[in-house]
Each structure stands twice: as C-alpha cells, then as structure tokens.
C-alpha cells in the first residue's frame, strides 16, 4: 500500500508545503531557502508522551549505499517510491517519528510529513557497504550543529568496533567528542554499537549476547556525560541478560528478519517488555514488507510498542 506520487499531500494548507513529490524538485531548484523556513516553523512535540514509548521509522540506509530489501538489491533505488512508503508509514497512528539523513528528512519536511513528529538526524558513515575502507566510519551526515539548527531531537550514530582494525580507535574518539557535545547541548546521542569483524572480505556484526553486551559497555562509556545518551540495539538471544547490562533508555533495532514475520514480532514483543526498552526504531522491515502492505506492517509494530 503506497501513496500515489502525484496525489495531494495531507499537510496544513498555506504553509509552503509541496503538493506532491513531483513538486519537490521545483522547490529545491527555485526556493531552497524554504527548507530553513519550514524547519523554523515546524510544529514540534515532546520527545515522550504519557506512555513513555517511541515508534520511529528509520531510513538512513540509502546514504551508505545499502539499497537492498527483501532480497532485492535495488529495492530502495526509487526515491519516489521510497518517499511514498515513508509517507504511508509516518501517517499511521502511533508512529512517533523518523530517523534519516538530510536528503530524506528534508524531502519529507517539504511534504509536511514531519509536523508534530520526533526526528532523529543520522550521523551516517563514510565506511560504505562493501568498500575496502568500510570500517573507517568517518562522519558524513548531520553534525551536532546541523541537528540543533534543524530543531531535531537527537543524532544517531552507528558504532562498529573491530578489535583487529586500527581504524576503530579513530571512530571511537570522534564519536566520543560528538556524544560529549550533544550532552552539553541537551540533545540525545543515539548510539548503535556492534562488535564487528571482517570475514571473507565482508564486515560481519557479532550478534551473540556476550558480544552485544561488550559493545554496550564500550558505547555507554563514550563521552564526558551520558545524561542524554540512548542506545539502539538489535534483538538477539538472551535479551533479558543483554538489557541487564545498561540503565540507558534503549530503542530496539528491527533489522532484516531471519525467520518468519510471526517469529520476528514475537521476539520484538518479548524484548519490548524489558526494563530500559522504550520502543522500536525500524526501517526496511516496515517499509518493504514481504506482502507489500506498509500500513499493515507498521500497524503491527505499533501494536507491539503500545
């Protein structure tokens, strides 16, 4: 289920929003300052509402060259289709907001889809998927000032830790500085840690409970303060023991499901009941479900969070 690309967008009238995805290009070419005006006027909301839970749609995969979903290597190649799917997902009741790089966030801003939404900026990474420099995770997306200027709620960073790769220490140092600055600016640092290694030329994340716990302890110790630090973690075996490793608020990473949808949802539901877990941050699983019904997939995830 998607939104037709030429259909009017459900956005407040008279505020400068694009009427369709096709109109975005014209605005970007003739009136790029509109992005700043809409950011300044955007209707914001508290991070957490009464139930203290969050359901966030994630879409920062394309900027790191990861366009595959559901076994299709170019599933996310069409920006028009991707925006349609994102608009459907963000419009569903119980969805709190978005995680994205600037290009996607600003497209959705122009469409009016970020009004009254929580928004996490993506720090992104220069270590592109499949590259020889994949673990040289230099920051290539939003920075701290850009996140603050946009009025967003936090900045998410992938933190891959390879004990055999000297590039890891530079990544940790750079991210520690960013986490420190975010805490000083009272803005959430959303850290997504993994113990990683190169196996047969491919970067593989170790999803064993002990490895996830080790990555958590490294990540939550980064920076001169952790007052505004949150974690984003995969759902793995022994989640009760995993979540006992932190007191930081945590969102669960949906990731690409290995089993059936029912098995995936059952694992999410069990993990969502644990202390420190505040909700879900899921992307391709919701945007490109096997049956193609984005609204149904998102509604199911919302029902688990709330």
C-alpha atoms as a PDB file:
ATOM      1  CA  UNK A   1       0.000   0.000   0.000  1.00  0.00           C
ATOM      2  CA  UNK A   2       1.583   3.262  -1.116  1.00  0.00           C
ATOM      3  CA  UNK A   3       0.647   6.880  -1.711  1.00  0.00           C
ATOM      4  CA  UNK A   4       0.317   7.912  -5.355  1.00  0.00           C
ATOM      5  CA  UNK A   5       3.217  10.206  -6.229  1.00  0.00           C
ATOM      6  CA  UNK A   6       1.033  12.885  -7.800  1.00  0.00           C
ATOM      7  CA  UNK A   7      -1.677  12.842  -5.133  1.00  0.00           C
ATOM      8  CA  UNK A   8      -2.038  15.875  -2.849  1.00  0.00           C
ATOM      9  CA  UNK A   9      -0.108  15.500   0.379  1.00  0.00           C
ATOM     10  CA  UNK A  10      -2.072  15.719   3.621  1.00  0.00           C
ATOM     11  CA  UNK A  11      -0.311  18.786   5.025  1.00  0.00           C
ATOM     12  CA  UNK A  12      -1.564  22.031   6.575  1.00  0.00           C
ATOM     13  CA  UNK A  13      -2.671  24.415   3.839  1.00  0.00           C
ATOM     14  CA  UNK A  14      -0.967  27.710   3.190  1.00  0.00           C
ATOM     15  CA  UNK A  15       2.333  26.919   4.892  1.00  0.00           C
ATOM     16  CA  UNK A  16       4.538  26.345   1.870  1.00  0.00           C
ATOM     17  CA  UNK A  17       4.438  22.556   1.704  1.00  0.00           C
ATOM     18  CA  UNK A  18       4.796  20.741  -1.587  1.00  0.00           C
ATOM     19  CA  UNK A  19       1.539  19.444  -3.029  1.00  0.00           C
ATOM     20  CA  UNK A  20       3.182  16.325  -4.447  1.00  0.00           C
ATOM     21  CA  UNK A  21       6.502  14.524  -4.630  1.00  0.00           C
ATOM     22  CA  UNK A  22       6.903  15.841  -8.172  1.00  0.00           C
ATOM     23  CA  UNK A  23       6.863  19.415  -6.829  1.00  0.00           C
ATOM     24  CA  UNK A  24       9.882  18.887  -4.567  1.00  0.00           C
ATOM     25  CA  UNK A  25      12.361  19.295  -7.430  1.00  0.00           C
ATOM     26  CA  UNK A  26      10.877  22.676  -8.388  1.00  0.00           C
ATOM     27  CA  UNK A  27      11.079  23.940  -4.811  1.00  0.00           C
ATOM     28  CA  UNK A  28      14.661  22.756  -4.426  1.00  0.00           C
ATOM     29  CA  UNK A  29      15.663  24.450  -7.692  1.00  0.00           C
ATOM     30  CA  UNK A  30      13.855  27.767  -7.215  1.00  0.00           C
ATOM     31  CA  UNK A  31      13.400  28.212  -3.470  1.00  0.00           C
ATOM     32  CA  UNK A  32      15.884  26.138  -1.448  1.00  0.00           C
ATOM     33  CA  UNK A  33      15.558  28.586   1.465  1.00  0.00           C
ATOM     34  CA  UNK A  34      12.091  27.167   2.016  1.00  0.00           C
ATOM     35  CA  UNK A  35      13.688  24.233   3.834  1.00  0.00           C
ATOM     36  CA  UNK A  36      15.084  26.542   6.511  1.00  0.00           C
ATOM     37  CA  UNK A  37      11.775  28.400   6.791  1.00  0.00           C
ATOM     38  CA  UNK A  38       9.828  25.171   7.234  1.00  0.00           C
ATOM     39  CA  UNK A  39      12.304  23.873   9.811  1.00  0.00           C
ATOM     40  CA  UNK A  40      11.920  27.072  11.827  1.00  0.00           C
ATOM     41  CA  UNK A  41       8.114  26.867  11.656  1.00  0.00           C
ATOM     42  CA  UNK A  42       7.799  23.101  12.126  1.00  0.00           C
ATOM     43  CA  UNK A  43       5.311  22.055  14.771  1.00  0.00           C
ATOM     44  CA  UNK A  44       7.250  20.102  17.395  1.00  0.00           C
ATOM     45  CA  UNK A  45       6.165  17.789  20.200  1.00  0.00           C
ATOM     46  CA  UNK A  46       7.675  16.419  23.411  1.00  0.00           C
ATOM     47  CA  UNK A  47      10.050  13.515  22.897  1.00  0.00           C
ATOM     48  CA  UNK A  48       7.982  11.186  25.094  1.00  0.00           C
ATOM     49  CA  UNK A  49       4.265  11.309  25.676  1.00  0.00           C
ATOM     50  CA  UNK A  50       2.281   9.756  28.517  1.00  0.00           C
ATOM     51  CA  UNK A  51       3.158   6.136  27.805  1.00  0.00           C
ATOM     52  CA  UNK A  52       6.901   6.853  27.572  1.00  0.00           C
ATOM     53  CA  UNK A  53       7.229   4.805  24.369  1.00  0.00           C
ATOM     54  CA  UNK A  54       8.595   5.561  20.897  1.00  0.00           C
ATOM     55  CA  UNK A  55       7.942   4.081  17.474  1.00  0.00           C
ATOM     56  CA  UNK A  56      10.454   5.514  14.973  1.00  0.00           C
ATOM     57  CA  UNK A  57      10.712   4.794  11.235  1.00  0.00           C
ATOM     58  CA  UNK A  58      14.372   4.585  10.166  1.00  0.00           C
ATOM     59  CA  UNK A  59      15.644   5.444   6.699  1.00  0.00           C
ATOM     60  CA  UNK A  60      19.357   6.193   6.514  1.00  0.00           C
ATOM     61  CA  UNK A  61      20.305   3.089   4.524  1.00  0.00           C
ATOM     62  CA  UNK A  62      20.464   4.669   1.031  1.00  0.00           C
ATOM     63  CA  UNK A  63      23.133   7.211   2.004  1.00  0.00           C
ATOM     64  CA  UNK A  64      25.541   4.405   2.826  1.00  0.00           C
ATOM     65  CA  UNK A  65      24.855   2.595  -0.429  1.00  0.00           C
ATOM     66  CA  UNK A  66      22.616  -0.080   1.124  1.00  0.00           C
ATOM     67  CA  UNK A  67      19.645  -0.195  -1.263  1.00  0.00           C
ATOM     68  CA  UNK A  68      18.563  -3.800  -0.789  1.00  0.00           C
ATOM     69  CA  UNK A  69      15.409  -5.080   0.919  1.00  0.00           C
ATOM     70  CA  UNK A  70      13.537  -8.399   0.871  1.00  0.00           C
ATOM     71  CA  UNK A  71      16.278  -9.977  -1.227  1.00  0.00           C
ATOM     72  CA  UNK A  72      16.073  -7.298  -3.935  1.00  0.00           C
ATOM     73  CA  UNK A  73      19.427  -5.453  -4.237  1.00  0.00           C
ATOM     74  CA  UNK A  74      17.879  -2.265  -5.697  1.00  0.00           C
ATOM     75  CA  UNK A  75      14.567  -2.212  -3.813  1.00  0.00           C
ATOM     76  CA  UNK A  76      15.212   1.276  -2.400  1.00  0.00           C
ATOM     77  CA  UNK A  77      16.600   2.775  -5.614  1.00  0.00           C
ATOM     78  CA  UNK A  78      13.454   4.755  -6.498  1.00  0.00           C
ATOM     79  CA  UNK A  79      13.282   7.883  -4.337  1.00  0.00           C
ATOM     80  CA  UNK A  80       9.665   8.470  -5.374  1.00  0.00           C
ATOM     81  CA  UNK A  81       8.592   5.014  -4.214  1.00  0.00           C
ATOM     82  CA  UNK A  82      10.633   5.302  -1.032  1.00  0.00           C
ATOM     83  CA  UNK A  83       9.002   8.631  -0.136  1.00  0.00           C
ATOM     84  CA  UNK A  84       5.557   7.180  -0.806  1.00  0.00           C
ATOM     85  CA  UNK A  85       6.299   4.300   1.559  1.00  0.00           C
ATOM     86  CA  UNK A  86       7.695   6.663   4.200  1.00  0.00           C
ATOM     87  CA  UNK A  87       4.661   8.937   3.991  1.00  0.00           C
ATOM     88  CA  UNK A  88       2.382   5.946   4.480  1.00  0.00           C
ATOM     89  CA  UNK A  89       4.414   4.767   7.473  1.00  0.00           C
ATOM     90  CA  UNK A  90       4.603   8.203   9.126  1.00  0.00           C
ATOM     91  CA  UNK A  91       0.868   8.746   8.716  1.00  0.00           C
ATOM     92  CA  UNK A  92      -0.101   5.647  10.700  1.00  0.00           C
ATOM     93  CA  UNK A  93      -1.500   6.180  14.214  1.00  0.00           C
ATOM     94  CA  UNK A  94       1.068   5.569  16.925  1.00  0.00           C
ATOM     95  CA  UNK A  95       4.135   6.351  14.791  1.00  0.00           C
ATOM     96  CA  UNK A  96       6.172   8.976  16.620  1.00  0.00           C
ATOM     97  CA  UNK A  97       8.735   9.996  14.051  1.00  0.00           C
ATOM     98  CA  UNK A  98      11.679   9.488  11.769  1.00  0.00           C
ATOM     99  CA  UNK A  99      15.396   8.754  11.624  1.00  0.00           C
ATOM    100  CA  UNK A 100      17.000   9.888   8.359  1.00  0.00           C
ATOM    101  CA  UNK A 101      19.799  11.660   6.547  1.00  0.00           C
ATOM    102  CA  UNK A 102      19.275  15.255   5.444  1.00  0.00           C
ATOM    103  CA  UNK A 103      18.148  14.482   1.894  1.00  0.00           C
ATOM    104  CA  UNK A 104      15.279  12.253   3.011  1.00  0.00           C
ATOM    105  CA  UNK A 105      14.373  14.314   6.094  1.00  0.00           C
ATOM    106  CA  UNK A 106      14.154  17.486   4.014  1.00  0.00           C
ATOM    107  CA  UNK A 107      12.061  15.830   1.285  1.00  0.00           C
ATOM    108  CA  UNK A 108       9.600  14.734   3.967  1.00  0.00           C
ATOM    109  CA  UNK A 109       9.749  18.171   5.587  1.00  0.00           C
ATOM    110  CA  UNK A 110       8.747  19.745   2.256  1.00  0.00           C
ATOM    111  CA  UNK A 111       5.839  17.297   2.053  1.00  0.00           C
ATOM    112  CA  UNK A 112       4.601  18.278   5.513  1.00  0.00           C
ATOM    113  CA  UNK A 113       5.190  14.784   6.898  1.00  0.00           C
ATOM    114  CA  UNK A 114       7.374  15.897   9.841  1.00  0.00           C
ATOM    115  CA  UNK A 115       4.818  18.085  11.584  1.00  0.00           C
ATOM    116  CA  UNK A 116       4.334  17.026  15.209  1.00  0.00           C
ATOM    117  CA  UNK A 117       6.949  14.281  14.800  1.00  0.00           C
ATOM    118  CA  UNK A 118      10.086  13.312  16.706  1.00  0.00           C
ATOM    119  CA  UNK A 119      13.085  13.456  14.361  1.00  0.00           C
ATOM    120  CA  UNK A 120      16.488  11.863  14.821  1.00  0.00           C
ATOM    121  CA  UNK A 121      19.223  13.022  12.463  1.00  0.00           C
ATOM    122  CA  UNK A 122      21.655  10.433  11.094  1.00  0.00           C
ATOM    123  CA  UNK A 123      25.365  10.998  11.553  1.00  0.00           C
ATOM    124  CA  UNK A 124      25.774   8.423   8.771  1.00  0.00           C
ATOM    125  CA  UNK A 125      29.179   6.954   7.969  1.00  0.00           C
ATOM    126  CA  UNK A 126      31.839   7.157   5.314  1.00  0.00           C
ATOM    127  CA  UNK A 127      32.589   3.441   5.531  1.00  0.00           C
ATOM    128  CA  UNK A 128      30.395   2.442   2.615  1.00  0.00           C
ATOM    129  CA  UNK A 129      28.967  -1.060   2.400  1.00  0.00           C
ATOM    130  CA  UNK A 130      31.372  -3.412   0.630  1.00  0.00           C
ATOM    131  CA  UNK A 131      34.251  -0.927   0.439  1.00  0.00           C
ATOM    132  CA  UNK A 132      37.862  -1.604   1.413  1.00  0.00           C
ATOM    133  CA  UNK A 133      37.521   1.278   3.905  1.00  0.00           C
ATOM    134  CA  UNK A 134      34.197   0.096   5.359  1.00  0.00           C
ATOM    135  CA  UNK A 135      35.293   0.327   8.992  1.00  0.00           C
ATOM    136  CA  UNK A 136      36.762   3.812   8.557  1.00  0.00           C
ATOM    137  CA  UNK A 137      33.488   5.268   9.815  1.00  0.00           C
ATOM    138  CA  UNK A 138      34.059   8.968   9.290  1.00  0.00           C
ATOM    139  CA  UNK A 139      31.016  11.154   9.855  1.00  0.00           C
ATOM    140  CA  UNK A 140      29.383  12.168   6.584  1.00  0.00           C
ATOM    141  CA  UNK A 141      25.814  13.125   7.548  1.00  0.00           C
ATOM    142  CA  UNK A 142      24.387  15.521  10.097  1.00  0.00           C
ATOM    143  CA  UNK A 143      26.741  17.039  12.652  1.00  0.00           C
ATOM    144  CA  UNK A 144      25.830  18.404  16.080  1.00  0.00           C
ATOM    145  CA  UNK A 145      25.244  21.964  14.909  1.00  0.00           C
ATOM    146  CA  UNK A 146      23.146  20.822  11.951  1.00  0.00           C
ATOM    147  CA  UNK A 147      20.960  18.749  14.281  1.00  0.00           C
ATOM    148  CA  UNK A 148      20.489  21.687  16.649  1.00  0.00           C
ATOM    149  CA  UNK A 149      19.829  24.143  13.807  1.00  0.00           C
ATOM    150  CA  UNK A 150      17.178  21.826  12.358  1.00  0.00           C
ATOM    151  CA  UNK A 151      15.419  21.596  15.708  1.00  0.00           C
ATOM    152  CA  UNK A 152      15.657  17.814  15.739  1.00  0.00           C
ATOM    153  CA  UNK A 153      15.544  15.669  18.861  1.00  0.00           C
ATOM    154  CA  UNK A 154      18.768  13.714  18.571  1.00  0.00           C
ATOM    155  CA  UNK A 155      21.617  12.393  16.469  1.00  0.00           C
ATOM    156  CA  UNK A 156      22.063   8.684  15.778  1.00  0.00           C
ATOM    157  CA  UNK A 157      25.460   7.105  15.159  1.00  0.00           C
ATOM    158  CA  UNK A 158      26.492   3.594  14.186  1.00  0.00           C
ATOM    159  CA  UNK A 159      29.454   2.463  16.301  1.00  0.00           C
ATOM    160  CA  UNK A 160      31.142  -0.604  14.844  1.00  0.00           C
ATOM    161  CA  UNK A 161      34.044  -1.879  16.924  1.00  0.00           C
ATOM    162  CA  UNK A 162      36.609  -4.178  15.310  1.00  0.00           C
ATOM    163  CA  UNK A 163      39.404  -5.049  17.705  1.00  0.00           C
ATOM    164  CA  UNK A 164      41.593  -6.076  14.740  1.00  0.00           C
ATOM    165  CA  UNK A 165      41.139  -2.845  12.765  1.00  0.00           C
ATOM    166  CA  UNK A 166      43.203   0.222  13.752  1.00  0.00           C
ATOM    167  CA  UNK A 167      40.544   2.495  12.201  1.00  0.00           C
ATOM    168  CA  UNK A 168      38.206   1.678  15.097  1.00  0.00           C
ATOM    169  CA  UNK A 169      40.006   3.880  17.615  1.00  0.00           C
ATOM    170  CA  UNK A 170      39.635   6.975  15.426  1.00  0.00           C
ATOM    171  CA  UNK A 171      35.901   6.269  15.125  1.00  0.00           C
ATOM    172  CA  UNK A 172      35.552   5.889  18.891  1.00  0.00           C
ATOM    173  CA  UNK A 173      37.463   9.109  19.549  1.00  0.00           C
ATOM    174  CA  UNK A 174      35.388  11.092  17.053  1.00  0.00           C
ATOM    175  CA  UNK A 175      32.106   9.741  18.353  1.00  0.00           C
ATOM    176  CA  UNK A 176      33.076  10.363  21.974  1.00  0.00           C
ATOM    177  CA  UNK A 177      33.569  14.047  21.107  1.00  0.00           C
ATOM    178  CA  UNK A 178      30.188  14.163  19.366  1.00  0.00           C
ATOM    179  CA  UNK A 179      28.465  12.471  22.313  1.00  0.00           C
ATOM    180  CA  UNK A 180      30.066  14.932  24.713  1.00  0.00           C
ATOM    181  CA  UNK A 181      28.888  17.905  22.649  1.00  0.00           C
ATOM    182  CA  UNK A 182      25.354  16.511  22.288  1.00  0.00           C
ATOM    183  CA  UNK A 183      25.110  16.017  26.038  1.00  0.00           C
ATOM    184  CA  UNK A 184      26.284  19.585  26.598  1.00  0.00           C
ATOM    185  CA  UNK A 185      23.602  20.776  24.168  1.00  0.00           C
ATOM    186  CA  UNK A 186      20.975  18.634  25.933  1.00  0.00           C
ATOM    187  CA  UNK A 187      20.301  16.676  22.770  1.00  0.00           C
ATOM    188  CA  UNK A 188      20.037  12.891  22.538  1.00  0.00           C
ATOM    189  CA  UNK A 189      23.028  10.888  21.346  1.00  0.00           C
ATOM    190  CA  UNK A 190      21.570   7.655  19.960  1.00  0.00           C
ATOM    191  CA  UNK A 191      24.443   5.148  19.847  1.00  0.00           C
ATOM    192  CA  UNK A 192      24.122   1.872  17.898  1.00  0.00           C
ATOM    193  CA  UNK A 193      27.095  -0.339  18.850  1.00  0.00           C
ATOM    194  CA  UNK A 194      28.320  -3.618  17.360  1.00  0.00           C
ATOM    195  CA  UNK A 195      31.367  -5.801  17.787  1.00  0.00           C
ATOM    196  CA  UNK A 196      32.349  -6.311  14.143  1.00  0.00           C
ATOM    197  CA  UNK A 197      34.975  -8.148  12.131  1.00  0.00           C
ATOM    198  CA  UNK A 198      35.902  -8.814   8.520  1.00  0.00           C
ATOM    199  CA  UNK A 199      35.065 -12.373   7.464  1.00  0.00           C
ATOM    200  CA  UNK A 200      35.873 -13.381   3.909  1.00  0.00           C
ATOM    201  CA  UNK A 201      36.144  -9.742   2.912  1.00  0.00           C
ATOM    202  CA  UNK A 202      32.734  -8.846   4.382  1.00  0.00           C
ATOM    203  CA  UNK A 203      32.013  -6.937   7.592  1.00  0.00           C
ATOM    204  CA  UNK A 204      30.007  -9.122   9.971  1.00  0.00           C
ATOM    205  CA  UNK A 205      28.421  -7.980  13.223  1.00  0.00           C
ATOM    206  CA  UNK A 206      28.661 -10.454  16.114  1.00  0.00           C
ATOM    207  CA  UNK A 207      25.111 -10.839  17.422  1.00  0.00           C
ATOM    208  CA  UNK A 208      25.908 -13.236  20.239  1.00  0.00           C
ATOM    209  CA  UNK A 209      24.661 -11.973  23.627  1.00  0.00           C
ATOM    210  CA  UNK A 210      28.178 -11.636  25.038  1.00  0.00           C
ATOM    211  CA  UNK A 211      29.343  -9.559  22.054  1.00  0.00           C
ATOM    212  CA  UNK A 212      26.301  -7.273  22.214  1.00  0.00           C
ATOM    213  CA  UNK A 213      26.848  -6.769  25.951  1.00  0.00           C
ATOM    214  CA  UNK A 214      30.518  -5.942  25.376  1.00  0.00           C
ATOM    215  CA  UNK A 215      29.623  -3.399  22.679  1.00  0.00           C
ATOM    216  CA  UNK A 216      27.074  -1.793  25.023  1.00  0.00           C
ATOM    217  CA  UNK A 217      29.606  -1.265  27.792  1.00  0.00           C
ATOM    218  CA  UNK A 218      32.056   0.328  25.358  1.00  0.00           C
ATOM    219  CA  UNK A 219      29.384   2.556  23.827  1.00  0.00           C
ATOM    220  CA  UNK A 220      27.786   3.783  27.032  1.00  0.00           C
ATOM    221  CA  UNK A 221      31.191   4.805  28.365  1.00  0.00           C
ATOM    222  CA  UNK A 222      31.862   7.196  25.462  1.00  0.00           C
ATOM    223  CA  UNK A 223      31.808  10.922  26.141  1.00  0.00           C
ATOM    224  CA  UNK A 224      32.147  13.250  29.113  1.00  0.00           C
ATOM    225  CA  UNK A 225      28.495  12.756  30.086  1.00  0.00           C
ATOM    226  CA  UNK A 226      25.834  10.130  29.462  1.00  0.00           C
ATOM    227  CA  UNK A 227      22.863  12.190  30.637  1.00  0.00           C
ATOM    228  CA  UNK A 228      21.422  12.363  27.112  1.00  0.00           C
ATOM    229  CA  UNK A 229      22.861   9.117  25.733  1.00  0.00           C
ATOM    230  CA  UNK A 230      20.477   6.421  24.481  1.00  0.00           C
ATOM    231  CA  UNK A 231      21.244   3.042  22.907  1.00  0.00           C
ATOM    232  CA  UNK A 232      19.884   1.380  19.786  1.00  0.00           C
ATOM    233  CA  UNK A 233      20.295  -2.396  20.000  1.00  0.00           C
ATOM    234  CA  UNK A 234      19.491  -5.491  17.944  1.00  0.00           C
ATOM    235  CA  UNK A 235      17.074  -8.097  19.240  1.00  0.00           C
ATOM    236  CA  UNK A 236      19.214 -11.149  19.992  1.00  0.00           C
ATOM    237  CA  UNK A 237      19.068 -14.261  22.155  1.00  0.00           C
ATOM    238  CA  UNK A 238      19.028 -13.791  25.943  1.00  0.00           C
ATOM    239  CA  UNK A 239      17.666 -10.241  25.727  1.00  0.00           C
ATOM    240  CA  UNK A 240      16.900 -10.197  29.442  1.00  0.00           C
ATOM    241  CA  UNK A 241      20.609 -10.654  30.208  1.00  0.00           C
ATOM    242  CA  UNK A 242      21.538  -8.181  27.461  1.00  0.00           C
ATOM    243  CA  UNK A 243      19.305  -5.428  28.816  1.00  0.00           C
ATOM    244  CA  UNK A 244      20.635  -6.017  32.331  1.00  0.00           C
ATOM    245  CA  UNK A 245      23.890  -4.512  31.000  1.00  0.00           C
ATOM    246  CA  UNK A 246      22.526  -0.953  30.853  1.00  0.00           C
ATOM    247  CA  UNK A 247      20.375   1.651  32.569  1.00  0.00           C
ATOM    248  CA  UNK A 248      20.276   3.827  29.443  1.00  0.00           C
ATOM    249  CA  UNK A 249      16.987   4.274  27.552  1.00  0.00           C
ATOM    250  CA  UNK A 250      17.067   1.910  24.585  1.00  0.00           C
ATOM    251  CA  UNK A 251      15.280   1.512  21.269  1.00  0.00           C
ATOM    252  CA  UNK A 252      15.291  -1.854  19.548  1.00  0.00           C
ATOM    253  CA  UNK A 253      16.690  -2.271  16.054  1.00  0.00           C
ATOM    254  CA  UNK A 254      14.329  -4.181  13.810  1.00  0.00           C
ATOM    255  CA  UNK A 255      16.910  -5.199  11.213  1.00  0.00           C
ATOM    256  CA  UNK A 256      16.326  -7.720   8.453  1.00  0.00           C
ATOM    257  CA  UNK A 257      14.278 -10.636   9.842  1.00  0.00           C
ATOM    258  CA  UNK A 258      15.805 -14.091   9.540  1.00  0.00           C
ATOM    259  CA  UNK A 259      12.708 -16.090  10.393  1.00  0.00           C
ATOM    260  CA  UNK A 260       9.006 -15.682   9.691  1.00  0.00           C
ATOM    261  CA  UNK A 261       7.262 -12.365  10.457  1.00  0.00           C
ATOM    262  CA  UNK A 262       5.429 -14.025  13.366  1.00  0.00           C
ATOM    263  CA  UNK A 263       8.738 -15.164  14.893  1.00  0.00           C
ATOM    264  CA  UNK A 264      10.213 -11.697  14.442  1.00  0.00           C
ATOM    265  CA  UNK A 265       7.223  -9.979  16.056  1.00  0.00           C
ATOM    266  CA  UNK A 266       7.237 -12.426  18.972  1.00  0.00           C
ATOM    267  CA  UNK A 267      10.913 -11.681  19.654  1.00  0.00           C
ATOM    268  CA  UNK A 268      10.250  -7.936  19.498  1.00  0.00           C
ATOM    269  CA  UNK A 269       7.281  -8.229  21.845  1.00  0.00           C
ATOM    270  CA  UNK A 270       9.288 -10.128  24.457  1.00  0.00           C
ATOM    271  CA  UNK A 271      12.169  -7.641  24.290  1.00  0.00           C
ATOM    272  CA  UNK A 272       9.835  -4.632  24.498  1.00  0.00           C
ATOM    273  CA  UNK A 273       8.676  -5.806  27.911  1.00  0.00           C
ATOM    274  CA  UNK A 274      12.161  -5.494  29.411  1.00  0.00           C
ATOM    275  CA  UNK A 275      13.393  -2.629  31.614  1.00  0.00           C
ATOM    276  CA  UNK A 276      15.188   0.190  29.763  1.00  0.00           C
ATOM    277  CA  UNK A 277      13.492  -0.663  26.430  1.00  0.00           C
ATOM    278  CA  UNK A 278      11.491   2.335  25.226  1.00  0.00           C
ATOM    279  CA  UNK A 279      10.338   1.218  21.801  1.00  0.00           C
ATOM    280  CA  UNK A 280      11.325   0.352  18.245  1.00  0.00           C
ATOM    281  CA  UNK A 281      13.390   2.018  15.532  1.00  0.00           C
ATOM    282  CA  UNK A 282      12.731   0.001  12.386  1.00  0.00           C
ATOM    283  CA  UNK A 283      13.258   0.626   8.694  1.00  0.00           C
ATOM    284  CA  UNK A 284      13.307  -1.777   5.784  1.00  0.00           C
ATOM    285  CA  UNK A 285      11.296  -4.412   7.661  1.00  0.00           C
ATOM    286  CA  UNK A 286       8.355  -1.993   7.809  1.00  0.00           C
ATOM    287  CA  UNK A 287       8.909  -0.090   4.569  1.00  0.00           C
ATOM    288  CA  UNK A 288       9.382  -3.155   2.355  1.00  0.00           C
ATOM    289  CA  UNK A 289       7.366  -5.983   3.939  1.00  0.00           C
ATOM    290  CA  UNK A 290       7.089  -9.270   2.085  1.00  0.00           C
ATOM    291  CA  UNK A 291       3.391  -8.739   1.281  1.00  0.00           C
ATOM    292  CA  UNK A 292       3.924  -5.112   0.199  1.00  0.00           C
ATOM    293  CA  UNK A 293       1.425  -3.730   2.740  1.00  0.00           C
ATOM    294  CA  UNK A 294       3.336  -0.959   4.524  1.00  0.00           C
ATOM    295  CA  UNK A 295       0.361   0.214   6.590  1.00  0.00           C
ATOM    296  CA  UNK A 296      -0.328  -3.282   7.908  1.00  0.00           C
ATOM    297  CA  UNK A 297       3.307  -3.899   8.836  1.00  0.00           C
ATOM    298  CA  UNK A 298       3.590  -0.561  10.631  1.00  0.00           C
ATOM    299  CA  UNK A 299       0.312  -1.037  12.473  1.00  0.00           C
ATOM    300  CA  UNK A 300       1.502  -4.431  13.690  1.00  0.00           C
ATOM    301  CA  UNK A 301       4.749  -2.928  15.021  1.00  0.00           C
ATOM    302  CA  UNK A 302       2.835  -0.109  16.724  1.00  0.00           C
ATOM    303  CA  UNK A 303       0.608  -2.651  18.450  1.00  0.00           C
ATOM    304  CA  UNK A 304       3.720  -4.277  19.939  1.00  0.00           C
ATOM    305  CA  UNK A 305       5.155  -0.968  21.178  1.00  0.00           C
ATOM    306  CA  UNK A 306       1.844   0.235  22.605  1.00  0.00           C
END
